[in-house]
C-alpha atoms as a PDB file:
ATOM      1  CA  MET A   1      -0.235  -0.011   0.106  1.00  0.00           C
ATOM      2  CA  ALA A   2       1.795   3.122  -0.691  1.00  0.00           C
ATOM      3  CA  ARG A   3       1.949   5.688   1.850  1.00  0.00           C
ATOM      4  CA  LYS A   4       0.698   8.914   2.058  1.00  0.00           C
ATOM      5  CA  VAL A   5       2.800  11.748   1.491  1.00  0.00           C
ATOM      6  CA  MET A   6       2.229  14.278   4.049  1.00  0.00           C
ATOM      7  CA  THR A   7       3.215  18.405   2.175  1.00  0.00           C
ATOM      8  CA  ARG A   8       3.385  21.130   3.865  1.00  0.00           C
ATOM      9  CA  ALA A   9       1.290  23.453   2.724  1.00  0.00           C
ATOM     10  CA  PRO A  10       3.373  26.973   1.236  1.00  0.00           C
ATOM     11  CA  LYS A  11       4.041  29.787   3.217  1.00  0.00           C
ATOM     12  CA  ARG A  12       0.919  32.870   2.462  1.00  0.00           C
ATOM     13  CA  PRO A  13       1.703  36.330   3.032  1.00  0.00           C
ATOM     14  CA  LEU A  14      -0.153  37.299   6.692  1.00  0.00           C
ATOM     15  CA  GLN A  15      -4.144  37.554   4.344  1.00  0.00           C
ATOM     16  CA  LYS A  16      -4.168  39.952   1.837  1.00  0.00           C
ATOM     17  CA  GLU A  17      -0.658  41.998   2.314  1.00  0.00           C
ATOM     18  CA  VAL A  18      -2.101  45.161  -0.332  1.00  0.00           C
ATOM     19  CA  ALA A  19       0.711  45.745  -2.606  1.00  0.00           C
ATOM     20  CA  ASP A  20      -1.358  48.211  -4.831  1.00  0.00           C
ATOM     21  CA  ASP A  21      -1.911  50.659  -1.622  1.00  0.00           C
ATOM     22  CA  GLU A  22      -5.213  49.732  -2.410  1.00  0.00           C
ATOM     23  CA  ARG A  23      -5.227  49.934   2.063  1.00  0.00           C
ATOM     24  CA  VAL A  24      -2.484  51.753   3.512  1.00  0.00           C
ATOM     25  CA  TYR A  25      -3.462  53.076   6.544  1.00  0.00           C
ATOM     26  CA  ASP A  26      -4.096  57.246   5.084  1.00  0.00           C
ATOM     27  CA  ASP A  27      -4.603  58.931   8.949  1.00  0.00           C
ATOM     28  CA  SER A  28      -1.810  61.514   8.788  1.00  0.00           C
ATOM     29  CA  ARG A  29      -1.680  61.741  12.414  1.00  0.00           C
ATOM     30  CA  VAL A  30      -0.182  58.109  12.328  1.00  0.00           C
ATOM     31  CA  THR A  31       1.964  59.162   9.058  1.00  0.00           C
ATOM     32  CA  VAL A  32       4.019  62.068  10.743  1.00  0.00           C
ATOM     33  CA  LEU A  33       4.485  60.177  13.938  1.00  0.00           C
ATOM     34  CA  VAL A  34       5.900  57.477  11.726  1.00  0.00           C
ATOM     35  CA  ASP A  35       7.514  59.908   9.838  1.00  0.00           C
ATOM     36  CA  GLY A  36       9.280  61.543  13.503  1.00  0.00           C
ATOM     37  CA  PHE A  37      10.108  58.121  14.447  1.00  0.00           C
ATOM     38  CA  ILE A  38      12.191  57.139  11.855  1.00  0.00           C
ATOM     39  CA  GLY A  39      14.110  61.183  11.728  1.00  0.00           C
ATOM     40  CA  TYR A  40      15.005  59.874  15.413  1.00  0.00           C
ATOM     41  CA  LEU A  41      16.310  57.309  14.410  1.00  0.00           C
ATOM     42  CA  ARG A  42      18.294  58.249  12.183  1.00  0.00           C
ATOM     43  CA  ALA A  43      19.253  61.712  13.848  1.00  0.00           C
ATOM     44  CA  GLU A  44      19.994  60.922  17.312  1.00  0.00           C
ATOM     45  CA  ARG A  45      20.000  56.546  17.699  1.00  0.00           C
ATOM     46  CA  GLY A  46      22.252  56.683  15.061  1.00  0.00           C
ATOM     47  CA  PHE A  47      20.875  54.311  13.061  1.00  0.00           C
ATOM     48  CA  SER A  48      22.203  52.904  10.021  1.00  0.00           C
ATOM     49  CA  GLU A  49      19.954  53.140   6.598  1.00  0.00           C
ATOM     50  CA  HIS A  50      19.636  49.346   6.402  1.00  0.00           C
ATOM     51  CA  THR A  51      17.906  49.113   9.737  1.00  0.00           C
ATOM     52  CA  ILE A  52      15.800  52.484   9.574  1.00  0.00           C
ATOM     53  CA  ARG A  53      14.744  51.217   5.782  1.00  0.00           C
ATOM     54  CA  ASN A  54      13.862  48.016   7.732  1.00  0.00           C
ATOM     55  CA  TYR A  55      11.744  49.697  10.258  1.00  0.00           C
ATOM     56  CA  GLY A  56       9.974  51.399   7.550  1.00  0.00           C
ATOM     57  CA  VAL A  57       8.934  48.193   6.095  1.00  0.00           C
ATOM     58  CA  ASP A  58       8.001  46.600   9.636  1.00  0.00           C
ATOM     59  CA  LEU A  59       5.949  49.700   9.989  1.00  0.00           C
ATOM     60  CA  GLY A  60       4.128  49.824   6.805  1.00  0.00           C
ATOM     61  CA  SER A  61       3.520  46.240   7.154  1.00  0.00           C
ATOM     62  CA  PHE A  62       1.267  46.819  10.827  1.00  0.00           C
ATOM     63  CA  LEU A  63      -0.678  50.123   9.198  1.00  0.00           C
ATOM     64  CA  ARG A  64      -1.459  47.817   6.726  1.00  0.00           C
ATOM     65  CA  TRP A  65      -3.058  44.990   8.464  1.00  0.00           C
ATOM     66  CA  CYS A  66      -4.566  47.507  11.331  1.00  0.00           C
ATOM     67  CA  ALA A  67      -6.429  49.084   7.787  1.00  0.00           C
ATOM     68  CA  ARG A  68      -7.348  45.523   7.386  1.00  0.00           C
ATOM     69  CA  HIS A  69      -8.964  44.904  10.480  1.00  0.00           C
ATOM     70  CA  ASP A  70      -9.864  49.007  11.196  1.00  0.00           C
ATOM     71  CA  VAL A  71      -7.723  49.323  14.011  1.00  0.00           C
ATOM     72  CA  ASP A  72      -6.653  52.908  14.967  1.00  0.00           C
ATOM     73  CA  PRO A  73      -2.928  51.930  15.441  1.00  0.00           C
ATOM     74  CA  LEU A  74      -3.224  55.401  18.171  1.00  0.00           C
ATOM     75  CA  ASN A  75      -5.501  53.159  19.740  1.00  0.00           C
ATOM     76  CA  ALA A  76      -4.373  49.834  19.596  1.00  0.00           C
ATOM     77  CA  THR A  77      -4.619  47.322  21.994  1.00  0.00           C
ATOM     78  CA  HIS A  78      -2.504  45.119  23.807  1.00  0.00           C
ATOM     79  CA  ARG A  79      -5.099  42.241  22.599  1.00  0.00           C
ATOM     80  CA  GLN A  80      -4.932  43.937  19.014  1.00  0.00           C
ATOM     81  CA  LEU A  81      -0.920  42.942  18.874  1.00  0.00           C
ATOM     82  CA  ARG A  82      -1.742  40.095  19.810  1.00  0.00           C
ATOM     83  CA  ALA A  83      -3.501  39.584  17.050  1.00  0.00           C
ATOM     84  CA  TYR A  84      -1.126  41.126  14.024  1.00  0.00           C
ATOM     85  CA  LEU A  85       1.443  38.797  15.806  1.00  0.00           C
ATOM     86  CA  GLY A  86      -0.594  35.514  16.114  1.00  0.00           C
ATOM     87  CA  GLU A  87      -1.563  36.413  12.207  1.00  0.00           C
ATOM     88  CA  MET A  88       1.590  36.129  11.171  1.00  0.00           C
ATOM     89  CA  ASP A  89       2.801  33.029  13.259  1.00  0.00           C
ATOM     90  CA  ALA A  90      -0.436  31.060  11.664  1.00  0.00           C
ATOM     91  CA  ALA A  91       1.154  33.089   7.800  1.00  0.00           C
ATOM     92  CA  ARG A  92       4.484  30.739   9.373  1.00  0.00           C
ATOM     93  CA  TYR A  93       6.178  34.168   8.660  1.00  0.00           C
ATOM     94  CA  SER A  94       9.860  33.085  10.342  1.00  0.00           C
ATOM     95  CA  ARG A  95      10.223  33.755  13.906  1.00  0.00           C
ATOM     96  CA  ALA A  96      13.755  36.561  13.149  1.00  0.00           C
ATOM     97  CA  THR A  97      10.453  38.258  10.794  1.00  0.00           C
ATOM     98  CA  VAL A  98       7.826  38.165  13.538  1.00  0.00           C
ATOM     99  CA  ASN A  99      11.059  39.057  16.013  1.00  0.00           C
ATOM    100  CA  ARG A 100      12.507  41.832  14.153  1.00  0.00           C
ATOM    101  CA  ARG A 101       9.102  43.388  13.227  1.00  0.00           C
ATOM    102  CA  LEU A 102       7.409  43.282  17.111  1.00  0.00           C
ATOM    103  CA  SER A 103      10.995  45.297  18.147  1.00  0.00           C
ATOM    104  CA  SER A 104       9.859  47.585  15.580  1.00  0.00           C
ATOM    105  CA  LEU A 105       6.734  47.935  17.033  1.00  0.00           C
ATOM    106  CA  ARG A 106       7.713  48.124  20.580  1.00  0.00           C
ATOM    107  CA  GLY A 107      10.028  50.912  19.577  1.00  0.00           C
ATOM    108  CA  PHE A 108       7.452  52.946  18.076  1.00  0.00           C
ATOM    109  CA  TYR A 109       5.254  52.366  20.559  1.00  0.00           C
ATOM    110  CA  ARG A 110       7.829  53.500  23.086  1.00  0.00           C
ATOM    111  CA  TRP A 111       8.636  57.049  21.080  1.00  0.00           C
ATOM    112  CA  MET A 112       5.351  57.690  20.858  1.00  0.00           C
ATOM    113  CA  ASN A 113       4.724  57.573  24.941  1.00  0.00           C
ATOM    114  CA  LEU A 114       8.129  59.003  25.512  1.00  0.00           C
ATOM    115  CA  VAL A 115       6.707  62.175  23.219  1.00  0.00           C
ATOM    116  CA  GLY A 116       3.735  62.200  24.649  1.00  0.00           C
ATOM    117  CA  ALA A 117       1.660  61.047  21.848  1.00  0.00           C
ATOM    118  CA  MET A 118       0.313  58.377  23.882  1.00  0.00           C
ATOM    119  CA  ASP A 119      -0.159  57.702  27.478  1.00  0.00           C
ATOM    120  CA  ALA A 120      -0.095  53.636  27.309  1.00  0.00           C
ATOM    121  CA  ASP A 121       1.684  51.295  25.391  1.00  0.00           C
ATOM    122  CA  PRO A 122       0.441  47.950  24.424  1.00  0.00           C
ATOM    123  CA  ALA A 123       2.840  46.485  22.984  1.00  0.00           C
ATOM    124  CA  GLU A 124       5.565  46.596  26.045  1.00  0.00           C
ATOM    125  CA  ALA A 125       4.361  43.249  27.623  1.00  0.00           C
ATOM    126  CA  LEU A 126       4.189  41.891  23.663  1.00  0.00           C
ATOM    127  CA  SER A 127       6.439  38.821  23.947  1.00  0.00           C
ATOM    128  CA  GLY A 128       7.883  37.108  20.726  1.00  0.00           C
ATOM    129  CA  PRO A 129       8.967  33.458  20.037  1.00  0.00           C
ATOM    130  CA  LYS A 130      12.121  31.849  20.700  1.00  0.00           C
ATOM    131  CA  ARG A 131      14.491  31.535  18.655  1.00  0.00           C
ATOM    132  CA  GLY A 132      16.424  28.848  18.045  1.00  0.00           C
ATOM    133  CA  LYS A 133      20.009  28.866  19.509  1.00  0.00           C
ATOM    134  CA  HIS A 134      22.434  29.120  16.505  1.00  0.00           C
ATOM    135  CA  LEU A 135      26.054  29.317  16.026  1.00  0.00           C
ATOM    136  CA  PRO A 136      27.457  31.984  13.884  1.00  0.00           C
ATOM    137  CA  HIS A 137      28.750  30.717   9.977  1.00  0.00           C
ATOM    138  CA  VAL A 138      32.601  31.287   9.915  1.00  0.00           C
ATOM    139  CA  LEU A 139      34.826  30.208   6.751  1.00  0.00           C
ATOM    140  CA  LYS A 140      36.839  28.002   7.102  1.00  0.00           C
ATOM    141  CA  GLN A 141      40.698  28.256   6.983  1.00  0.00           C
ATOM    142  CA  ASP A 142      41.288  27.016   3.417  1.00  0.00           C
ATOM    143  CA  GLU A 143      38.176  29.103   2.162  1.00  0.00           C
ATOM    144  CA  MET A 144      39.440  32.261   3.417  1.00  0.00           C
ATOM    145  CA  ASP A 145      42.610  31.568   1.376  1.00  0.00           C
ATOM    146  CA  ARG A 146      40.290  31.098  -1.604  1.00  0.00           C
ATOM    147  CA  LEU A 147      38.616  34.608  -0.800  1.00  0.00           C
ATOM    148  CA  LEU A 148      41.629  35.745  -0.266  1.00  0.00           C
ATOM    149  CA  ALA A 149      43.912  34.699  -2.759  1.00  0.00           C
ATOM    150  CA  LEU A 150      41.884  35.911  -5.155  1.00  0.00           C
ATOM    151  CA  ASN A 151      43.167  39.778  -6.257  1.00  0.00           C
ATOM    152  CA  ALA A 152      46.568  39.085  -3.817  1.00  0.00           C
ATOM    153  CA  PRO A 153      49.262  41.227  -5.913  1.00  0.00           C
ATOM    154  CA  MET A 154      50.873  38.259  -6.660  1.00  0.00           C
ATOM    155  CA  GLY A 155      49.945  35.069  -8.391  1.00  0.00           C
ATOM    156  CA  PRO A 156      50.025  31.321  -7.639  1.00  0.00           C
ATOM    157  CA  ASP A 157      53.330  30.939  -9.494  1.00  0.00           C
ATOM    158  CA  GLY A 158      55.046  33.580  -6.644  1.00  0.00           C
ATOM    159  CA  GLY A 159      55.346  35.983  -9.842  1.00  0.00           C
ATOM    160  CA  PRO A 160      53.400  40.311 -10.088  1.00  0.00           C
ATOM    161  CA  ARG A 161      49.978  40.250 -10.836  1.00  0.00           C
ATOM    162  CA  GLU A 162      48.775  42.727 -13.516  1.00  0.00           C
ATOM    163  CA  ARG A 163      44.896  44.019 -11.159  1.00  0.00           C
ATOM    164  CA  THR A 164      42.340  46.700 -12.806  1.00  0.00           C
ATOM    165  CA  PRO A 165      41.402  49.106 -10.310  1.00  0.00           C
ATOM    166  CA  GLU A 166      38.190  47.035  -9.101  1.00  0.00           C
ATOM    167  CA  GLU A 167      40.541  44.543  -7.838  1.00  0.00           C
ATOM    168  CA  VAL A 168      42.700  46.291  -6.395  1.00  0.00           C
ATOM    169  CA  ARG A 169      40.110  47.772  -4.337  1.00  0.00           C
ATOM    170  CA  ASP A 170      38.146  44.267  -3.912  1.00  0.00           C
ATOM    171  CA  GLN A 171      41.402  43.459  -2.298  1.00  0.00           C
ATOM    172  CA  ALA A 172      41.768  45.973   0.178  1.00  0.00           C
ATOM    173  CA  MET A 173      37.932  45.608   0.924  1.00  0.00           C
ATOM    174  CA  LEU A 174      38.407  41.896   1.663  1.00  0.00           C
ATOM    175  CA  GLU A 175      41.170  42.062   4.117  1.00  0.00           C
ATOM    176  CA  PHE A 176      40.394  45.005   5.907  1.00  0.00           C
ATOM    177  CA  LEU A 177      36.569  43.240   6.325  1.00  0.00           C
ATOM    178  CA  TYR A 178      38.954  40.041   7.641  1.00  0.00           C
ATOM    179  CA  ALA A 179      41.399  42.260  10.040  1.00  0.00           C
ATOM    180  CA  SER A 180      39.536  44.132  11.573  1.00  0.00           C
ATOM    181  CA  GLY A 181      36.175  42.437  12.077  1.00  0.00           C
ATOM    182  CA  ALA A 182      34.095  45.651  10.475  1.00  0.00           C
ATOM    183  CA  ARG A 183      30.912  45.774  10.001  1.00  0.00           C
ATOM    184  CA  ILE A 184      29.290  46.474   6.802  1.00  0.00           C
ATOM    185  CA  SER A 185      27.766  49.820   7.004  1.00  0.00           C
ATOM    186  CA  GLU A 186      30.868  50.489   8.839  1.00  0.00           C
ATOM    187  CA  ALA A 187      32.733  49.651   6.178  1.00  0.00           C
ATOM    188  CA  ALA A 188      30.709  51.810   3.249  1.00  0.00           C
ATOM    189  CA  ASN A 189      31.024  54.558   5.519  1.00  0.00           C
ATOM    190  CA  LEU A 190      34.905  53.926   5.937  1.00  0.00           C
ATOM    191  CA  ARG A 191      36.490  57.637   5.074  1.00  0.00           C
ATOM    192  CA  VAL A 192      40.156  57.980   4.351  1.00  0.00           C
ATOM    193  CA  GLY A 193      41.370  59.898   7.945  1.00  0.00           C
ATOM    194  CA  ASP A 194      40.205  57.356   9.699  1.00  0.00           C
ATOM    195  CA  VAL A 195      42.482  54.720   9.156  1.00  0.00           C
ATOM    196  CA  ASP A 196      45.693  55.701  10.127  1.00  0.00           C
ATOM    197  CA  PHE A 197      48.861  53.469   8.476  1.00  0.00           C
ATOM    198  CA  ASN A 198      51.456  55.069  10.258  1.00  0.00           C
ATOM    199  CA  SER A 199      50.112  52.721  13.665  1.00  0.00           C
ATOM    200  CA  ASN A 200      48.638  50.095  11.616  1.00  0.00           C
ATOM    201  CA  LEU A 201      45.284  51.409  13.105  1.00  0.00           C
ATOM    202  CA  VAL A 202      41.185  52.322  11.921  1.00  0.00           C
ATOM    203  CA  LYS A 203      38.704  54.527  13.593  1.00  0.00           C
ATOM    204  CA  LEU A 204      34.660  53.106  13.599  1.00  0.00           C
ATOM    205  CA  PHE A 205      31.550  53.989  13.645  1.00  0.00           C
ATOM    206  CA  GLY A 206      29.613  51.247  14.912  1.00  0.00           C
ATOM    207  CA  LYS A 207      25.319  50.799  16.571  1.00  0.00           C
ATOM    208  CA  GLY A 208      24.606  54.762  17.809  1.00  0.00           C
ATOM    209  CA  SER A 209      27.460  55.906  16.311  1.00  0.00           C
ATOM    210  CA  LYS A 210      29.782  54.433  19.085  1.00  0.00           C
ATOM    211  CA  GLU A 211      33.327  54.978  18.003  1.00  0.00           C
ATOM    212  CA  ARG A 212      36.682  52.370  18.580  1.00  0.00           C
ATOM    213  CA  ILE A 213      39.896  52.225  17.679  1.00  0.00           C
ATOM    214  CA  VAL A 214      40.555  48.589  15.816  1.00  0.00           C
ATOM    215  CA  PRO A 215      44.140  46.922  14.754  1.00  0.00           C
ATOM    216  CA  LEU A 216      45.348  46.061  11.372  1.00  0.00           C
ATOM    217  CA  HIS A 217      47.943  43.661  10.606  1.00  0.00           C
ATOM    218  CA  ASP A 218      50.319  44.686   7.646  1.00  0.00           C
ATOM    219  CA  LEU A 219      48.670  42.627   4.926  1.00  0.00           C
ATOM    220  CA  CYS A 220      45.750  44.255   5.758  1.00  0.00           C
ATOM    221  CA  VAL A 221      47.183  47.766   5.954  1.00  0.00           C
ATOM    222  CA  ASP A 222      49.299  47.411   2.358  1.00  0.00           C
ATOM    223  CA  ALA A 223      46.344  46.412   0.694  1.00  0.00           C
ATOM    224  CA  MET A 224      44.787  49.251   1.657  1.00  0.00           C
ATOM    225  CA  LYS A 225      47.661  51.434   0.751  1.00  0.00           C
ATOM    226  CA  CYS A 226      47.867  49.896  -2.355  1.00  0.00           C
ATOM    227  CA  TYR A 227      44.250  51.046  -3.619  1.00  0.00           C
ATOM    228  CA  LEU A 228      44.679  54.564  -2.250  1.00  0.00           C
ATOM    229  CA  ASP A 229      47.040  55.395  -4.205  1.00  0.00           C
ATOM    230  CA  GLU A 230      47.005  53.317  -7.703  1.00  0.00           C
ATOM    231  CA  ALA A 231      43.645  51.918  -7.598  1.00  0.00           C
ATOM    232  CA  ARG A 232      41.512  54.726  -5.587  1.00  0.00           C
ATOM    233  CA  PRO A 233      42.577  57.854  -8.056  1.00  0.00           C
ATOM    234  CA  ALA A 234      41.800  55.835 -10.877  1.00  0.00           C
ATOM    235  CA  LEU A 235      38.614  54.878  -9.973  1.00  0.00           C
ATOM    236  CA  LEU A 236      37.122  58.624  -8.750  1.00  0.00           C
ATOM    237  CA  LYS A 237      37.664  59.039 -12.675  1.00  0.00           C
ATOM    238  CA  GLY A 238      38.825  62.870 -12.343  1.00  0.00           C
ATOM    239  CA  LYS A 239      35.151  63.298 -10.181  1.00  0.00           C
ATOM    240  CA  SER A 240      35.269  66.098  -7.524  1.00  0.00           C
ATOM    241  CA  ALA A 241      37.000  64.285  -4.235  1.00  0.00           C
ATOM    242  CA  THR A 242      34.728  62.215  -1.663  1.00  0.00           C
ATOM    243  CA  ASP A 243      36.383  61.294   1.460  1.00  0.00           C
ATOM    244  CA  ARG A 244      34.689  57.899   1.591  1.00  0.00           C
ATOM    245  CA  PHE A 245      37.564  55.363   1.133  1.00  0.00           C
ATOM    246  CA  PHE A 246      36.012  52.498  -0.844  1.00  0.00           C
ATOM    247  CA  ILE A 247      34.836  53.397  -4.585  1.00  0.00           C
ATOM    248  CA  SER A 248      32.655  52.004  -7.086  1.00  0.00           C
ATOM    249  CA  LYS A 249      33.948  51.793 -10.793  1.00  0.00           C
ATOM    250  CA  ARG A 250      31.720  54.447 -11.835  1.00  0.00           C
ATOM    251  CA  GLY A 251      33.868  57.154  -9.164  1.00  0.00           C
ATOM    252  CA  ASN A 252      31.005  57.145  -6.430  1.00  0.00           C
ATOM    253  CA  PRO A 253      30.958  56.058  -2.951  1.00  0.00           C
ATOM    254  CA  MET A 254      30.024  52.340  -2.509  1.00  0.00           C
ATOM    255  CA  SER A 255      26.935  51.570  -0.476  1.00  0.00           C
ATOM    256  CA  ALA A 256      26.659  49.362   2.310  1.00  0.00           C
ATOM    257  CA  ASP A 257      24.470  47.611  -0.370  1.00  0.00           C
ATOM    258  CA  ALA A 258      26.699  47.108  -3.517  1.00  0.00           C
ATOM    259  CA  MET A 259      29.722  46.615  -0.987  1.00  0.00           C
ATOM    260  CA  ARG A 260      27.245  43.190  -0.540  1.00  0.00           C
ATOM    261  CA  VAL A 261      26.325  42.450  -4.120  1.00  0.00           C
ATOM    262  CA  ARG A 262      30.476  42.284  -4.543  1.00  0.00           C
ATOM    263  CA  PHE A 263      31.388  39.986  -1.918  1.00  0.00           C
ATOM    264  CA  LYS A 264      28.442  37.974  -3.345  1.00  0.00           C
ATOM    265  CA  ALA A 265      30.407  38.129  -6.497  1.00  0.00           C
ATOM    266  CA  LEU A 266      33.632  37.414  -4.589  1.00  0.00           C
ATOM    267  CA  VAL A 267      32.608  34.305  -3.058  1.00  0.00           C
ATOM    268  CA  ARG A 268      31.120  32.763  -6.220  1.00  0.00           C
ATOM    269  CA  GLN A 269      34.519  33.285  -8.297  1.00  0.00           C
ATOM    270  CA  ALA A 270      36.054  32.034  -4.944  1.00  0.00           C
ATOM    271  CA  GLY A 271      33.581  28.733  -5.296  1.00  0.00           C
ATOM    272  CA  ILE A 272      32.915  28.493  -1.565  1.00  0.00           C
ATOM    273  CA  ASP A 273      29.619  29.018  -0.033  1.00  0.00           C
ATOM    274  CA  GLY A 274      27.422  31.113  -1.581  1.00  0.00           C
ATOM    275  CA  LYS A 275      25.468  31.727   1.603  1.00  0.00           C
ATOM    276  CA  LEU A 276      28.448  33.220   2.781  1.00  0.00           C
ATOM    277  CA  THR A 277      27.187  36.324   3.239  1.00  0.00           C
ATOM    278  CA  PRO A 278      29.993  39.923   4.719  1.00  0.00           C
ATOM    279  CA  HIS A 279      28.789  39.731   8.044  1.00  0.00           C
ATOM    280  CA  ASP A 280      30.412  35.970   8.377  1.00  0.00           C
ATOM    281  CA  MET A 281      34.548  37.750   8.021  1.00  0.00           C
ATOM    282  CA  ARG A 282      33.266  39.580  11.050  1.00  0.00           C
ATOM    283  CA  HIS A 283      32.685  36.237  12.606  1.00  0.00           C
ATOM    284  CA  THR A 284      35.139  35.011  11.589  1.00  0.00           C
ATOM    285  CA  PHE A 285      37.255  37.965  12.473  1.00  0.00           C
ATOM    286  CA  ALA A 286      35.918  37.173  15.958  1.00  0.00           C
ATOM    287  CA  THR A 287      36.489  33.454  16.004  1.00  0.00           C
ATOM    288  CA  ASP A 288      39.819  33.482  15.057  1.00  0.00           C
ATOM    289  CA  LEU A 289      41.193  35.556  17.440  1.00  0.00           C
ATOM    290  CA  LEU A 290      39.822  33.843  20.301  1.00  0.00           C
ATOM    291  CA  ASP A 291      41.330  30.538  18.696  1.00  0.00           C
ATOM    292  CA  GLY A 292      44.859  32.396  19.124  1.00  0.00           C
ATOM    293  CA  ASP A 293      44.199  33.329  22.890  1.00  0.00           C
ATOM    294  CA  ALA A 294      42.986  36.881  22.551  1.00  0.00           C
ATOM    295  CA  ASP A 295      41.421  38.015  25.886  1.00  0.00           C
ATOM    296  CA  LEU A 296      37.265  38.013  26.382  1.00  0.00           C
ATOM    297  CA  ARG A 297      37.136  41.533  27.033  1.00  0.00           C
ATOM    298  CA  SER A 298      39.526  42.450  24.224  1.00  0.00           C
ATOM    299  CA  VAL A 299      38.079  40.837  21.325  1.00  0.00           C
ATOM    300  CA  GLN A 300      34.410  42.801  23.227  1.00  0.00           C
ATOM    301  CA  GLU A 301      36.215  45.795  22.260  1.00  0.00           C
ATOM    302  CA  MET A 302      36.962  45.189  18.730  1.00  0.00           C
ATOM    303  CA  LEU A 303      34.097  44.498  17.224  1.00  0.00           C
ATOM    304  CA  GLY A 304      32.211  47.401  19.381  1.00  0.00           C
ATOM    305  CA  HIS A 305      29.859  45.150  21.510  1.00  0.00           C
ATOM    306  CA  ALA A 306      28.109  46.845  23.960  1.00  0.00           C
ATOM    307  CA  SER A 307      27.202  43.690  26.577  1.00  0.00           C
ATOM    308  CA  LEU A 308      30.594  40.802  27.173  1.00  0.00           C
ATOM    309  CA  SER A 309      27.689  38.375  26.580  1.00  0.00           C
ATOM    310  CA  THR A 310      27.206  39.555  22.696  1.00  0.00           C
ATOM    311  CA  THR A 311      30.663  38.475  22.406  1.00  0.00           C
ATOM    312  CA  GLN A 312      30.379  35.361  24.636  1.00  0.00           C
ATOM    313  CA  VAL A 313      28.552  33.427  21.709  1.00  0.00           C
ATOM    314  CA  TYR A 314      31.967  33.056  19.877  1.00  0.00           C
ATOM    315  CA  THR A 315      34.155  31.283  22.529  1.00  0.00           C
ATOM    316  CA  HIS A 316      31.337  28.196  21.682  1.00  0.00           C
ATOM    317  CA  LEU A 317      31.815  28.388  17.888  1.00  0.00           C
ATOM    318  CA  SER A 318      35.539  28.655  19.514  1.00  0.00           C
ATOM    319  CA  THR A 319      35.201  25.638  21.361  1.00  0.00           C
ATOM    320  CA  THR A 320      33.191  23.062  18.542  1.00  0.00           C
ATOM    321  CA  ARG A 321      36.179  24.097  16.268  1.00  0.00           C
ATOM    322  CA  LEU A 322      38.619  22.421  18.756  1.00  0.00           C
ATOM    323  CA  LYS A 323      36.631  19.742  19.092  1.00  0.00           C
ATOM    324  CA  ASP A 324      35.864  19.659  15.450  1.00  0.00           C
ATOM    325  CA  ALA A 325      39.839  19.498  15.031  1.00  0.00           C
ATOM    326  CA  HIS A 326      40.170  16.776  17.920  1.00  0.00           C
ATOM    327  CA  HIS A 327      37.833  14.496  16.026  1.00  0.00           C
ATOM    328  CA  GLN A 328      39.433  14.828  13.173  1.00  0.00           C
ATOM    329  CA  ALA A 329      42.702  14.320  14.400  1.00  0.00           C
ATOM    330  CA  HIS A 330      42.804  12.198  17.270  1.00  0.00           C
ATOM    331  CA  PRO A 331      44.072   8.674  16.828  1.00  0.00           C
ATOM    332  CA  ARG A 332      40.853   6.511  18.850  1.00  0.00           C
ATOM    333  CA  ALA A 333      38.413   9.767  18.175  1.00  0.00           C
END
C-alpha cells in the first residue's frame, strides 16, 4: 500500500498583503508620527540606513494590517497587537521576521510614549517566539585562503599579478573586513582619514555612532595603501573628491548594499559557499582571535559589542572548532 506523503502548505502572506496601496493606512496623524520616529532613529540613535529601512518596512506592514482590520494604531490594545503577531504565526512567518517586526513596534510605541503621543504602551508586555539557538557561520581556513587569493598582488606562480583598479579595491575590502571585524555598514562609511597608516589603526563608528579603535595587520595595511595610492584615484575618474574610502567603478562612494553584492560575486568566483555574507567575515575575525588566545574583553572592544554576553557566543564556536579538530586528528576519536 502506497504511503501517503504529507506536504507542507506553501508559506502565504498575512491574509492579503495589499500590493497596490488600496488599503494603505492614510491617517495623517500616524504618518507624521512614523516620519518623526524614523527621523529620531536617524538623528538621535544613529541607526544605519539599512536598519532604518527595515523599521519603515515593518511599520508599513503593521499599518496595512491596521487598515484591513479597522484598528487605530494610536488606540491599539495589547490584544489587537497579539492578534497581529498571531496572524503572522498562522502564516508561518519565520521567527526572525516576527521578532524583528515586534522589535519595530516596541520601539515605535516606546517613542510615542516618550514624546507624549500616547499615554499607554500596548506593546510593552508583548513577547515574540523564542528563536532557535544557532552558532554564527564562519569561513574555514581554506575558504578564507581562496577568497583572499583571488586578487592578491602575487599570483599562484609567485610572480606579480596584473590587476584592474576594481580588483585592487576588492582585495583591500576583503582584507579590511577580515582584519578589522567591521560591519559592512562601517566599511561603507569608512573615511580616508579614519585609517592611520603610520600606527596601523582604524577608527570605526558602530551602532549609535559609537567610536572604537581597531588595530590592522601589515597585510591589510599594505592592501589598503596600494588601493588608496593607485586604484582609488583611477576609480574616481576625475570626479569631485569624496573622503569615502571605498569607491565604485563609476567613481561614487560604495554603499553597504553595493559592497554586499560585490562580496557575493567574489564568493562565487572563489567557488565557496554561496550563502556566505560579509557579516560572516566578522564572525570569522572574532572566532580566529579567540582561537589565537585573545581575551574576551579585547574581542568585545574590537567588535564594538555593548554587552560581553553578545561576544561570548564566539567562545562556544571556538570550542566547537577545537572539538572538530580533535575528532579529525586524534587516532582514537
